[in-house]
Amino acid sequence: MKIVMLNKTAAGLFLLTACNAAFASTTTADVGGGTITFYGSVTDATCNVTTNSGSDFSVDLNPVTTSDLGTTAGVISTNAKQFTLNIDGCSGFDSTSTAAQTLMITFSGGNVSDDNTYLKNGSGTASGVGIGITKDGSTLVALNTALDTGMATTSSDGTTYDTAPASGTLSYYANYYNYGGSSVAAGSVVTTATYTFTYE
């Protein structure tokens, strides 16, 4: 799996996503995944947002100030940035099943908070600031939890669900998350999450 690392600019937040997942059929219905790395900073400056496409892609997110983060723990909607995963060719399902199997996605990793709400700052220098993943820019999705993608297997003969889901796009947002309350301090934010696909 190839990860493309971009040069950090001051006041930049970078989301690097490896979408070159190998969807291999397994008995556990583990159908692939990748790694998302978030880089960020808390400053009093702003920068333009740019995106580029490809199997590995990055998303630049504008920085936030300590004032934006406030003094109460929780997700920050300011400068939330959408990212997408283009899904295609998801194997690993039971082609003899007589019921549709739903494709699920799970975000996990060593920096996940104890309550599975946000990603703690890893090697960054900011204090009390992490990253939350949201579906709409404000509502957090649960980490370490299989989430319904809305995609499912279909039947070619009306009996068995033997066909992979049609290709589609999953959209989420990266949000800053204040987990330090009134003790937030400026600096960089660096954290990672992995995503995996399974069928249920």
N, C-alpha and C. Protein backbone atom coordinates (compact mmCIF):
# COMPACT_ATOMS: atom_id res chain seq x y z
N MET A 1 0.84 -1.19 0.00
CA MET A 1 0.00 0.00 0.00
C MET A 1 0.87 1.23 0.00
N LYS A 2 0.62 2.13 -0.91
CA LYS A 2 1.44 3.32 -1.06
C LYS A 2 0.78 4.49 -0.35
N ILE A 3 1.51 5.14 0.54
CA ILE A 3 1.03 6.34 1.20
C ILE A 3 1.82 7.52 0.67
N VAL A 4 1.13 8.55 0.21
CA VAL A 4 1.79 9.74 -0.29
C VAL A 4 1.82 10.77 0.83
N MET A 5 2.99 11.19 1.25
CA MET A 5 3.13 12.17 2.31
C MET A 5 3.43 13.52 1.68
N LEU A 6 2.65 14.52 2.01
CA LEU A 6 2.86 15.86 1.48
C LEU A 6 3.68 16.68 2.47
N ASN A 7 4.35 17.71 1.94
CA ASN A 7 5.06 18.63 2.82
C ASN A 7 4.07 19.44 3.62
N LYS A 8 4.33 19.55 4.92
CA LYS A 8 3.47 20.37 5.76
C LYS A 8 3.77 21.83 5.54
N THR A 9 2.72 22.64 5.45
CA THR A 9 2.89 24.08 5.46
C THR A 9 2.39 24.59 6.80
N ALA A 10 2.90 25.73 7.21
CA ALA A 10 2.42 26.31 8.46
C ALA A 10 0.94 26.55 8.34
N ALA A 11 0.22 26.19 9.36
CA ALA A 11 -1.23 26.41 9.44
C ALA A 11 -1.97 25.53 8.45
N GLY A 12 -1.46 24.38 8.11
CA GLY A 12 -2.16 23.49 7.21
C GLY A 12 -2.64 22.25 7.93
N LEU A 13 -3.76 21.69 7.51
CA LEU A 13 -4.22 20.41 8.00
C LEU A 13 -4.31 19.49 6.81
N PHE A 14 -3.60 18.38 6.86
CA PHE A 14 -3.58 17.48 5.73
C PHE A 14 -4.22 16.17 6.10
N LEU A 15 -5.06 15.67 5.23
CA LEU A 15 -5.69 14.37 5.39
C LEU A 15 -5.19 13.50 4.26
N LEU A 16 -4.38 12.52 4.60
CA LEU A 16 -3.85 11.62 3.58
C LEU A 16 -4.59 10.31 3.70
N THR A 17 -5.12 9.82 2.59
CA THR A 17 -5.90 8.61 2.61
C THR A 17 -5.37 7.62 1.60
N ALA A 18 -5.14 6.41 2.03
CA ALA A 18 -4.73 5.37 1.11
C ALA A 18 -5.96 4.62 0.66
N CYS A 19 -6.34 4.80 -0.58
CA CYS A 19 -7.54 4.16 -1.10
C CYS A 19 -7.20 2.98 -1.99
N ASN A 20 -5.93 2.64 -2.06
CA ASN A 20 -5.51 1.55 -2.92
C ASN A 20 -5.66 0.24 -2.15
N ALA A 21 -6.90 -0.05 -1.72
CA ALA A 21 -7.15 -1.21 -0.88
C ALA A 21 -7.29 -2.45 -1.76
N ALA A 22 -6.70 -3.53 -1.30
CA ALA A 22 -6.82 -4.79 -2.03
C ALA A 22 -8.00 -5.54 -1.44
N PHE A 23 -9.05 -5.70 -2.20
CA PHE A 23 -10.24 -6.34 -1.71
C PHE A 23 -10.12 -7.85 -1.93
N ALA A 24 -9.58 -8.54 -0.95
CA ALA A 24 -9.34 -9.96 -1.07
C ALA A 24 -10.41 -10.74 -0.34
N SER A 25 -10.88 -11.80 -0.94
CA SER A 25 -11.89 -12.63 -0.31
C SER A 25 -11.28 -13.43 0.82
N THR A 26 -11.90 -13.37 2.00
CA THR A 26 -11.43 -14.11 3.16
C THR A 26 -12.61 -14.72 3.86
N THR A 27 -12.35 -15.68 4.72
CA THR A 27 -13.43 -16.32 5.46
C THR A 27 -14.03 -15.40 6.50
N THR A 28 -13.32 -14.37 6.88
CA THR A 28 -13.84 -13.43 7.88
C THR A 28 -14.54 -12.25 7.23
N ALA A 29 -14.63 -12.25 5.94
CA ALA A 29 -15.29 -11.18 5.19
C ALA A 29 -14.62 -9.84 5.42
N ASP A 30 -13.31 -9.86 5.66
CA ASP A 30 -12.53 -8.62 5.74
C ASP A 30 -12.19 -8.25 4.31
N VAL A 31 -12.71 -7.13 3.84
CA VAL A 31 -12.60 -6.83 2.41
C VAL A 31 -11.72 -5.64 2.10
N GLY A 32 -10.82 -5.30 2.98
CA GLY A 32 -9.85 -4.27 2.65
C GLY A 32 -9.96 -3.05 3.53
N GLY A 33 -9.12 -2.08 3.27
CA GLY A 33 -9.12 -0.85 4.06
C GLY A 33 -7.89 -0.04 3.78
N GLY A 34 -7.53 0.83 4.70
CA GLY A 34 -6.38 1.69 4.52
C GLY A 34 -6.12 2.52 5.75
N THR A 35 -5.26 3.51 5.61
CA THR A 35 -4.87 4.36 6.72
C THR A 35 -5.14 5.82 6.40
N ILE A 36 -5.70 6.53 7.35
CA ILE A 36 -5.91 7.96 7.21
C ILE A 36 -5.01 8.66 8.22
N THR A 37 -4.19 9.60 7.75
CA THR A 37 -3.33 10.37 8.64
C THR A 37 -3.76 11.83 8.60
N PHE A 38 -3.98 12.40 9.77
CA PHE A 38 -4.40 13.78 9.88
C PHE A 38 -3.25 14.62 10.41
N TYR A 39 -2.93 15.70 9.72
CA TYR A 39 -1.95 16.66 10.19
C TYR A 39 -2.66 18.00 10.37
N GLY A 40 -2.37 18.69 11.43
CA GLY A 40 -3.04 19.96 11.61
C GLY A 40 -2.26 20.91 12.48
N SER A 41 -2.79 22.09 12.63
CA SER A 41 -2.17 23.07 13.52
C SER A 41 -3.24 24.01 14.04
N VAL A 42 -2.96 24.58 15.19
CA VAL A 42 -3.84 25.57 15.78
C VAL A 42 -3.08 26.87 15.81
N THR A 43 -3.50 27.83 15.03
CA THR A 43 -2.79 29.10 14.90
C THR A 43 -3.80 30.22 14.77
N ASP A 44 -3.32 31.42 14.48
CA ASP A 44 -4.22 32.53 14.21
C ASP A 44 -4.23 32.86 12.73
N ALA A 45 -3.75 31.96 11.91
CA ALA A 45 -3.68 32.20 10.47
C ALA A 45 -4.66 31.29 9.74
N THR A 46 -4.85 31.55 8.45
CA THR A 46 -5.70 30.72 7.61
C THR A 46 -4.97 30.40 6.32
N CYS A 47 -5.46 29.40 5.60
CA CYS A 47 -4.89 29.07 4.30
C CYS A 47 -5.99 28.58 3.39
N ASN A 48 -5.73 28.57 2.10
CA ASN A 48 -6.72 28.12 1.14
C ASN A 48 -6.84 26.60 1.17
N VAL A 49 -8.01 26.11 0.83
CA VAL A 49 -8.27 24.68 0.76
C VAL A 49 -8.10 24.23 -0.68
N THR A 50 -7.30 23.17 -0.87
CA THR A 50 -7.16 22.57 -2.20
C THR A 50 -7.28 21.07 -2.07
N THR A 51 -7.72 20.43 -3.11
CA THR A 51 -7.82 18.98 -3.12
C THR A 51 -7.26 18.45 -4.42
N ASN A 52 -6.85 17.20 -4.40
CA ASN A 52 -6.45 16.52 -5.64
C ASN A 52 -6.93 15.09 -5.55
N SER A 53 -7.12 14.47 -6.70
CA SER A 53 -7.73 13.15 -6.73
C SER A 53 -6.70 12.09 -7.08
N GLY A 54 -7.10 10.86 -6.94
CA GLY A 54 -6.23 9.73 -7.23
C GLY A 54 -6.46 8.63 -6.22
N SER A 55 -5.77 7.51 -6.41
CA SER A 55 -5.94 6.41 -5.47
C SER A 55 -5.41 6.78 -4.09
N ASP A 56 -4.37 7.61 -4.06
CA ASP A 56 -3.91 8.24 -2.82
C ASP A 56 -4.21 9.73 -2.98
N PHE A 57 -4.86 10.32 -2.02
CA PHE A 57 -5.20 11.72 -2.18
C PHE A 57 -5.10 12.45 -0.85
N SER A 58 -5.04 13.76 -0.94
CA SER A 58 -4.92 14.58 0.26
C SER A 58 -5.99 15.65 0.25
N VAL A 59 -6.32 16.11 1.43
CA VAL A 59 -7.27 17.20 1.60
C VAL A 59 -6.64 18.20 2.56
N ASP A 60 -6.56 19.45 2.12
CA ASP A 60 -6.02 20.50 2.98
C ASP A 60 -7.16 21.13 3.76
N LEU A 61 -7.00 21.22 5.06
CA LEU A 61 -8.02 21.81 5.91
C LEU A 61 -7.49 23.07 6.54
N ASN A 62 -8.29 24.10 6.53
CA ASN A 62 -7.87 25.35 7.16
C ASN A 62 -7.64 25.16 8.66
N PRO A 63 -6.71 25.92 9.22
CA PRO A 63 -6.44 25.81 10.65
C PRO A 63 -7.53 26.49 11.47
N VAL A 64 -7.51 26.26 12.75
CA VAL A 64 -8.39 26.95 13.67
C VAL A 64 -7.56 27.66 14.72
N THR A 65 -8.16 28.62 15.37
CA THR A 65 -7.49 29.31 16.47
C THR A 65 -7.94 28.70 17.79
N THR A 66 -7.22 29.02 18.84
CA THR A 66 -7.65 28.54 20.15
C THR A 66 -9.01 29.13 20.51
N SER A 67 -9.31 30.31 20.01
CA SER A 67 -10.64 30.90 20.24
C SER A 67 -11.72 30.07 19.57
N ASP A 68 -11.43 29.57 18.36
CA ASP A 68 -12.39 28.71 17.67
C ASP A 68 -12.70 27.46 18.48
N LEU A 69 -11.70 26.96 19.19
CA LEU A 69 -11.87 25.72 19.95
C LEU A 69 -12.68 25.93 21.21
N GLY A 70 -12.75 27.15 21.71
CA GLY A 70 -13.53 27.44 22.90
C GLY A 70 -12.93 26.82 24.15
N THR A 71 -13.75 26.69 25.17
CA THR A 71 -13.29 26.16 26.46
C THR A 71 -14.07 24.93 26.89
N THR A 72 -14.93 24.44 26.03
CA THR A 72 -15.75 23.27 26.35
C THR A 72 -15.38 22.12 25.42
N ALA A 73 -15.20 20.94 25.98
CA ALA A 73 -14.85 19.77 25.18
C ALA A 73 -15.97 19.45 24.20
N GLY A 74 -15.58 19.06 22.99
CA GLY A 74 -16.57 18.68 21.99
C GLY A 74 -16.07 18.89 20.58
N VAL A 75 -16.90 18.49 19.61
CA VAL A 75 -16.53 18.61 18.21
C VAL A 75 -16.62 20.07 17.78
N ILE A 76 -15.70 20.49 16.93
CA ILE A 76 -15.64 21.86 16.42
C ILE A 76 -16.06 21.85 14.96
N SER A 77 -17.10 22.59 14.64
CA SER A 77 -17.58 22.60 13.26
C SER A 77 -16.79 23.55 12.37
N THR A 78 -16.09 24.51 12.98
CA THR A 78 -15.29 25.46 12.20
C THR A 78 -14.24 24.74 11.37
N ASN A 79 -14.23 25.03 10.08
CA ASN A 79 -13.23 24.49 9.14
C ASN A 79 -13.25 22.97 9.01
N ALA A 80 -14.40 22.36 9.26
CA ALA A 80 -14.53 20.94 8.97
C ALA A 80 -14.32 20.73 7.47
N LYS A 81 -13.69 19.64 7.11
CA LYS A 81 -13.38 19.39 5.70
C LYS A 81 -13.85 18.02 5.27
N GLN A 82 -14.60 17.99 4.18
CA GLN A 82 -15.12 16.73 3.66
C GLN A 82 -14.03 15.93 2.98
N PHE A 83 -14.07 14.61 3.16
CA PHE A 83 -13.22 13.71 2.39
C PHE A 83 -14.06 12.54 1.91
N THR A 84 -13.66 11.95 0.82
CA THR A 84 -14.45 10.88 0.22
C THR A 84 -13.61 9.64 -0.03
N LEU A 85 -14.27 8.51 0.02
CA LEU A 85 -13.67 7.22 -0.33
C LEU A 85 -14.48 6.65 -1.48
N ASN A 86 -13.84 6.45 -2.60
CA ASN A 86 -14.50 5.87 -3.76
C ASN A 86 -14.40 4.35 -3.66
N ILE A 87 -15.54 3.70 -3.60
CA ILE A 87 -15.59 2.26 -3.33
C ILE A 87 -15.99 1.51 -4.59
N ASP A 88 -15.27 0.43 -4.86
CA ASP A 88 -15.58 -0.38 -6.05
C ASP A 88 -14.99 -1.77 -5.85
N GLY A 89 -15.64 -2.78 -6.41
CA GLY A 89 -15.11 -4.14 -6.42
C GLY A 89 -14.92 -4.75 -5.05
N CYS A 90 -15.89 -4.61 -4.18
CA CYS A 90 -15.75 -5.11 -2.80
C CYS A 90 -16.09 -6.60 -2.74
N SER A 91 -15.08 -7.42 -2.72
CA SER A 91 -15.30 -8.86 -2.61
C SER A 91 -15.30 -9.26 -1.14
N GLY A 92 -15.38 -10.57 -0.87
CA GLY A 92 -15.34 -11.05 0.50
C GLY A 92 -16.70 -11.41 1.06
N PHE A 93 -17.75 -11.30 0.26
CA PHE A 93 -19.09 -11.65 0.74
C PHE A 93 -19.39 -13.11 0.44
N ASP A 94 -20.45 -13.63 1.06
CA ASP A 94 -20.88 -15.01 0.85
C ASP A 94 -21.83 -15.05 -0.35
N SER A 95 -21.35 -15.58 -1.46
CA SER A 95 -22.15 -15.58 -2.69
C SER A 95 -23.29 -16.60 -2.66
N THR A 96 -23.35 -17.42 -1.60
CA THR A 96 -24.44 -18.39 -1.49
C THR A 96 -25.53 -17.92 -0.53
N SER A 97 -25.35 -16.74 0.03
CA SER A 97 -26.32 -16.23 1.00
C SER A 97 -27.65 -15.92 0.33
N THR A 98 -28.74 -16.21 1.03
CA THR A 98 -30.07 -15.90 0.52
C THR A 98 -30.58 -14.57 1.05
N ALA A 99 -29.71 -13.83 1.72
CA ALA A 99 -30.07 -12.50 2.22
C ALA A 99 -28.97 -11.52 1.83
N ALA A 100 -29.36 -10.29 1.60
CA ALA A 100 -28.38 -9.27 1.24
C ALA A 100 -27.40 -9.04 2.38
N GLN A 101 -26.14 -8.81 2.03
CA GLN A 101 -25.11 -8.52 3.02
C GLN A 101 -24.69 -7.06 2.87
N THR A 102 -24.68 -6.35 3.99
CA THR A 102 -24.38 -4.92 3.98
C THR A 102 -22.89 -4.68 4.15
N LEU A 103 -22.35 -3.79 3.33
CA LEU A 103 -20.95 -3.41 3.46
C LEU A 103 -20.82 -2.41 4.60
N MET A 104 -19.92 -2.70 5.54
CA MET A 104 -19.72 -1.87 6.72
C MET A 104 -18.30 -1.29 6.70
N ILE A 105 -18.14 -0.11 7.27
CA ILE A 105 -16.82 0.50 7.41
C ILE A 105 -16.57 0.78 8.89
N THR A 106 -15.33 0.54 9.32
CA THR A 106 -14.94 0.80 10.71
C THR A 106 -13.69 1.66 10.71
N PHE A 107 -13.73 2.75 11.47
CA PHE A 107 -12.56 3.59 11.71
C PHE A 107 -11.98 3.22 13.07
N SER A 108 -10.69 2.92 13.11
CA SER A 108 -10.08 2.49 14.36
C SER A 108 -8.64 2.98 14.42
N GLY A 109 -7.93 2.58 15.47
CA GLY A 109 -6.52 2.96 15.59
C GLY A 109 -6.10 3.16 17.02
N GLY A 110 -4.80 3.28 17.21
CA GLY A 110 -4.25 3.41 18.55
C GLY A 110 -4.53 4.73 19.22
N ASN A 111 -4.95 5.75 18.45
CA ASN A 111 -5.22 7.06 19.03
C ASN A 111 -6.70 7.29 19.34
N VAL A 112 -7.52 6.26 19.18
CA VAL A 112 -8.95 6.41 19.46
C VAL A 112 -9.16 6.64 20.96
N SER A 113 -10.02 7.58 21.28
CA SER A 113 -10.31 7.89 22.69
C SER A 113 -11.00 6.71 23.36
N ASP A 114 -10.97 6.70 24.69
CA ASP A 114 -11.55 5.59 25.44
C ASP A 114 -13.05 5.43 25.18
N ASP A 115 -13.72 6.54 24.87
CA ASP A 115 -15.15 6.46 24.61
C ASP A 115 -15.47 6.34 23.12
N ASN A 116 -14.44 6.08 22.30
CA ASN A 116 -14.61 5.86 20.85
C ASN A 116 -15.24 7.06 20.15
N THR A 117 -14.94 8.26 20.64
CA THR A 117 -15.55 9.47 20.10
C THR A 117 -14.64 10.22 19.14
N TYR A 118 -13.34 10.28 19.43
CA TYR A 118 -12.43 11.10 18.64
C TYR A 118 -11.04 10.46 18.62
N LEU A 119 -10.16 11.03 17.78
CA LEU A 119 -8.77 10.59 17.69
C LEU A 119 -7.91 11.57 18.46
N LYS A 120 -7.21 11.08 19.45
CA LYS A 120 -6.33 11.93 20.24
C LYS A 120 -5.14 12.38 19.41
N ASN A 121 -4.60 13.54 19.77
CA ASN A 121 -3.40 14.03 19.10
C ASN A 121 -2.27 13.04 19.35
N GLY A 122 -1.59 12.63 18.29
CA GLY A 122 -0.52 11.66 18.42
C GLY A 122 0.81 12.32 18.67
N SER A 123 1.55 12.62 17.60
CA SER A 123 2.88 13.21 17.73
C SER A 123 2.87 14.73 17.56
N GLY A 124 1.70 15.33 17.47
CA GLY A 124 1.62 16.78 17.34
C GLY A 124 1.92 17.49 18.65
N THR A 125 2.09 18.80 18.57
CA THR A 125 2.48 19.59 19.74
C THR A 125 1.32 20.33 20.40
N ALA A 126 0.17 20.38 19.76
CA ALA A 126 -0.99 21.03 20.38
C ALA A 126 -1.47 20.18 21.55
N SER A 127 -2.01 20.83 22.56
CA SER A 127 -2.52 20.12 23.73
C SER A 127 -4.04 20.15 23.73
N GLY A 128 -4.64 19.00 23.99
CA GLY A 128 -6.08 18.93 24.14
C GLY A 128 -6.87 19.05 22.85
N VAL A 129 -6.21 18.85 21.70
CA VAL A 129 -6.88 18.97 20.41
C VAL A 129 -6.65 17.71 19.60
N GLY A 130 -7.72 17.11 19.11
CA GLY A 130 -7.61 15.94 18.26
C GLY A 130 -8.47 16.11 17.03
N ILE A 131 -8.86 15.00 16.45
CA ILE A 131 -9.68 14.99 15.24
C ILE A 131 -10.89 14.08 15.47
N GLY A 132 -12.05 14.59 15.10
CA GLY A 132 -13.25 13.77 15.09
C GLY A 132 -13.66 13.51 13.65
N ILE A 133 -14.26 12.38 13.39
CA ILE A 133 -14.79 12.07 12.06
C ILE A 133 -16.30 12.20 12.14
N THR A 134 -16.86 13.01 11.26
CA THR A 134 -18.29 13.23 11.26
C THR A 134 -18.88 12.89 9.90
N LYS A 135 -20.18 12.63 9.90
CA LYS A 135 -20.86 12.32 8.65
C LYS A 135 -21.34 13.57 7.94
N ASP A 136 -21.64 14.61 8.72
CA ASP A 136 -22.25 15.80 8.15
C ASP A 136 -21.52 17.08 8.51
N GLY A 137 -20.34 16.98 9.10
CA GLY A 137 -19.60 18.16 9.50
C GLY A 137 -19.82 18.57 10.93
N SER A 138 -20.73 17.88 11.62
CA SER A 138 -20.99 18.23 13.01
C SER A 138 -21.34 17.05 13.91
N THR A 139 -21.91 16.00 13.34
CA THR A 139 -22.33 14.84 14.13
C THR A 139 -21.28 13.74 14.04
N LEU A 140 -20.66 13.43 15.17
CA LEU A 140 -19.58 12.45 15.19
C LEU A 140 -20.08 11.06 14.86
N VAL A 141 -19.26 10.30 14.14
CA VAL A 141 -19.51 8.87 13.96
C VAL A 141 -18.71 8.12 15.02
N ALA A 142 -19.23 7.00 15.45
CA ALA A 142 -18.55 6.21 16.47
C ALA A 142 -17.34 5.52 15.86
N LEU A 143 -16.22 5.59 16.54
CA LEU A 143 -15.02 4.88 16.12
C LEU A 143 -15.03 3.48 16.73
N ASN A 144 -14.20 2.60 16.18
CA ASN A 144 -14.17 1.20 16.63
C ASN A 144 -15.56 0.56 16.53
N THR A 145 -16.36 1.03 15.61
CA THR A 145 -17.73 0.54 15.44
C THR A 145 -18.01 0.38 13.95
N ALA A 146 -18.59 -0.75 13.57
CA ALA A 146 -18.94 -0.98 12.17
C ALA A 146 -20.10 -0.08 11.78
N LEU A 147 -19.91 0.73 10.75
CA LEU A 147 -20.91 1.69 10.29
C LEU A 147 -21.48 1.26 8.95
N ASP A 148 -22.77 1.37 8.81
CA ASP A 148 -23.46 0.99 7.58
C ASP A 148 -23.10 1.97 6.46
N THR A 149 -22.59 1.45 5.36
CA THR A 149 -22.24 2.32 4.23
C THR A 149 -23.43 2.61 3.33
N GLY A 150 -24.52 1.88 3.53
CA GLY A 150 -25.66 2.02 2.64
C GLY A 150 -25.50 1.22 1.36
N MET A 151 -24.46 0.40 1.29
CA MET A 151 -24.20 -0.42 0.11
C MET A 151 -24.36 -1.89 0.49
N ALA A 152 -24.95 -2.69 -0.38
CA ALA A 152 -25.20 -4.10 -0.07
C ALA A 152 -25.11 -4.95 -1.32
N THR A 153 -24.94 -6.25 -1.10
CA THR A 153 -24.91 -7.19 -2.22
C THR A 153 -26.30 -7.27 -2.86
N THR A 154 -26.31 -7.69 -4.11
CA THR A 154 -27.57 -7.86 -4.83
C THR A 154 -27.64 -9.27 -5.41
N SER A 155 -28.81 -9.63 -5.89
CA SER A 155 -29.02 -10.98 -6.42
C SER A 155 -29.13 -10.94 -7.93
N SER A 156 -28.45 -11.89 -8.57
CA SER A 156 -28.53 -11.99 -10.04
C SER A 156 -29.61 -12.96 -10.49
N ASP A 157 -30.07 -13.82 -9.55
CA ASP A 157 -31.04 -14.85 -9.93
C ASP A 157 -32.32 -14.80 -9.09
N GLY A 158 -32.42 -13.83 -8.20
CA GLY A 158 -33.61 -13.72 -7.36
C GLY A 158 -33.60 -14.64 -6.17
N THR A 159 -32.53 -15.40 -5.99
CA THR A 159 -32.46 -16.35 -4.88
C THR A 159 -31.25 -16.09 -3.99
N THR A 160 -30.07 -16.12 -4.59
CA THR A 160 -28.85 -15.88 -3.81
C THR A 160 -28.32 -14.48 -4.10
N TYR A 161 -27.77 -13.86 -3.05
CA TYR A 161 -27.19 -12.52 -3.19
C TYR A 161 -25.71 -12.68 -3.52
N ASP A 162 -25.46 -12.83 -4.81
CA ASP A 162 -24.15 -13.25 -5.30
C ASP A 162 -23.39 -12.16 -6.04
N THR A 163 -23.87 -10.93 -5.96
CA THR A 163 -23.25 -9.83 -6.71
C THR A 163 -22.80 -8.73 -5.76
N ALA A 164 -21.57 -8.26 -5.98
CA ALA A 164 -21.01 -7.21 -5.12
C ALA A 164 -21.81 -5.93 -5.25
N PRO A 165 -21.76 -5.08 -4.23
CA PRO A 165 -22.44 -3.78 -4.32
C PRO A 165 -21.93 -2.98 -5.51
N ALA A 166 -22.78 -2.16 -6.06
CA ALA A 166 -22.35 -1.25 -7.11
C ALA A 166 -21.32 -0.28 -6.55
N SER A 167 -20.48 0.24 -7.41
CA SER A 167 -19.50 1.21 -6.95
C SER A 167 -20.20 2.44 -6.38
N GLY A 168 -19.55 3.08 -5.43
CA GLY A 168 -20.17 4.24 -4.80
C GLY A 168 -19.13 5.09 -4.10
N THR A 169 -19.58 6.16 -3.52
CA THR A 169 -18.70 7.10 -2.82
C THR A 169 -19.19 7.30 -1.40
N LEU A 170 -18.28 7.16 -0.46
CA LEU A 170 -18.57 7.45 0.95
C LEU A 170 -17.98 8.81 1.29
N SER A 171 -18.78 9.63 1.92
CA SER A 171 -18.32 10.97 2.28
C SER A 171 -18.36 11.16 3.79
N TYR A 172 -17.28 11.69 4.32
CA TYR A 172 -17.18 12.01 5.74
C TYR A 172 -16.48 13.36 5.87
N TYR A 173 -16.41 13.85 7.09
CA TYR A 173 -15.71 15.10 7.37
C TYR A 173 -14.67 14.87 8.46
N ALA A 174 -13.58 15.60 8.35
CA ALA A 174 -12.60 15.67 9.43
C ALA A 174 -12.87 16.96 10.20
N ASN A 175 -13.07 16.84 11.50
CA ASN A 175 -13.32 17.99 12.37
C ASN A 175 -12.26 18.06 13.46
N TYR A 176 -11.87 19.26 13.81
CA TYR A 176 -11.09 19.38 15.03
C TYR A 176 -11.98 18.99 16.21
N TYR A 177 -11.36 18.46 17.25
CA TYR A 177 -12.10 18.07 18.44
C TYR A 177 -11.37 18.58 19.68
N ASN A 178 -12.06 19.36 20.47
CA ASN A 178 -11.51 19.88 21.73
C ASN A 178 -11.73 18.84 22.81
N TYR A 179 -10.65 18.20 23.26
CA TYR A 179 -10.80 17.28 24.38
C TYR A 179 -10.06 17.78 25.62
N GLY A 180 -9.54 19.00 25.53
CA GLY A 180 -8.84 19.59 26.67
C GLY A 180 -9.65 20.62 27.42
N GLY A 181 -10.86 20.91 26.93
CA GLY A 181 -11.68 21.92 27.58
C GLY A 181 -11.03 23.28 27.55
N SER A 182 -10.83 23.87 28.72
CA SER A 182 -10.22 25.20 28.80
C SER A 182 -8.71 25.14 28.79
N SER A 183 -8.14 23.94 28.69
CA SER A 183 -6.68 23.78 28.74
C SER A 183 -6.06 23.53 27.37
N VAL A 184 -6.74 23.90 26.31
CA VAL A 184 -6.22 23.72 24.96
C VAL A 184 -5.04 24.66 24.72
N ALA A 185 -4.00 24.14 24.07
CA ALA A 185 -2.83 24.96 23.73
C ALA A 185 -2.51 24.79 22.26
N ALA A 186 -2.06 25.87 21.61
CA ALA A 186 -1.77 25.87 20.19
C ALA A 186 -0.59 24.97 19.86
N GLY A 187 -0.56 24.51 18.62
CA GLY A 187 0.51 23.65 18.14
C GLY A 187 0.00 22.79 17.01
N SER A 188 0.77 21.78 16.65
CA SER A 188 0.38 20.90 15.55
C SER A 188 -0.51 19.77 16.05
N VAL A 189 -1.30 19.24 15.15
CA VAL A 189 -2.17 18.11 15.44
C VAL A 189 -1.83 17.01 14.44
N VAL A 190 -1.39 15.87 14.93
CA VAL A 190 -1.04 14.74 14.07
C VAL A 190 -1.65 13.48 14.67
N THR A 191 -2.52 12.84 13.94
CA THR A 191 -3.15 11.62 14.43
C THR A 191 -3.50 10.73 13.25
N THR A 192 -3.75 9.48 13.50
CA THR A 192 -4.04 8.54 12.42
C THR A 192 -5.25 7.67 12.77
N ALA A 193 -5.88 7.17 11.74
CA ALA A 193 -6.95 6.19 11.88
C ALA A 193 -6.84 5.20 10.74
N THR A 194 -7.23 3.99 10.98
CA THR A 194 -7.32 3.01 9.91
C THR A 194 -8.79 2.77 9.61
N TYR A 195 -9.08 2.41 8.37
CA TYR A 195 -10.45 2.04 8.04
C TYR A 195 -10.43 0.65 7.42
N THR A 196 -11.43 -0.12 7.76
CA THR A 196 -11.56 -1.47 7.24
C THR A 196 -13.00 -1.69 6.78
N PHE A 197 -13.15 -2.55 5.80
CA PHE A 197 -14.47 -2.89 5.30
C PHE A 197 -14.79 -4.35 5.63
N THR A 198 -16.01 -4.61 6.02
CA THR A 198 -16.50 -5.96 6.28
C THR A 198 -17.94 -6.05 5.78
N TYR A 199 -18.44 -7.27 5.70
CA TYR A 199 -19.84 -7.48 5.35
C TYR A 199 -20.58 -8.04 6.56
N GLU A 200 -21.80 -7.61 6.70
CA GLU A 200 -22.68 -8.16 7.75
C GLU A 200 -24.02 -8.51 7.14
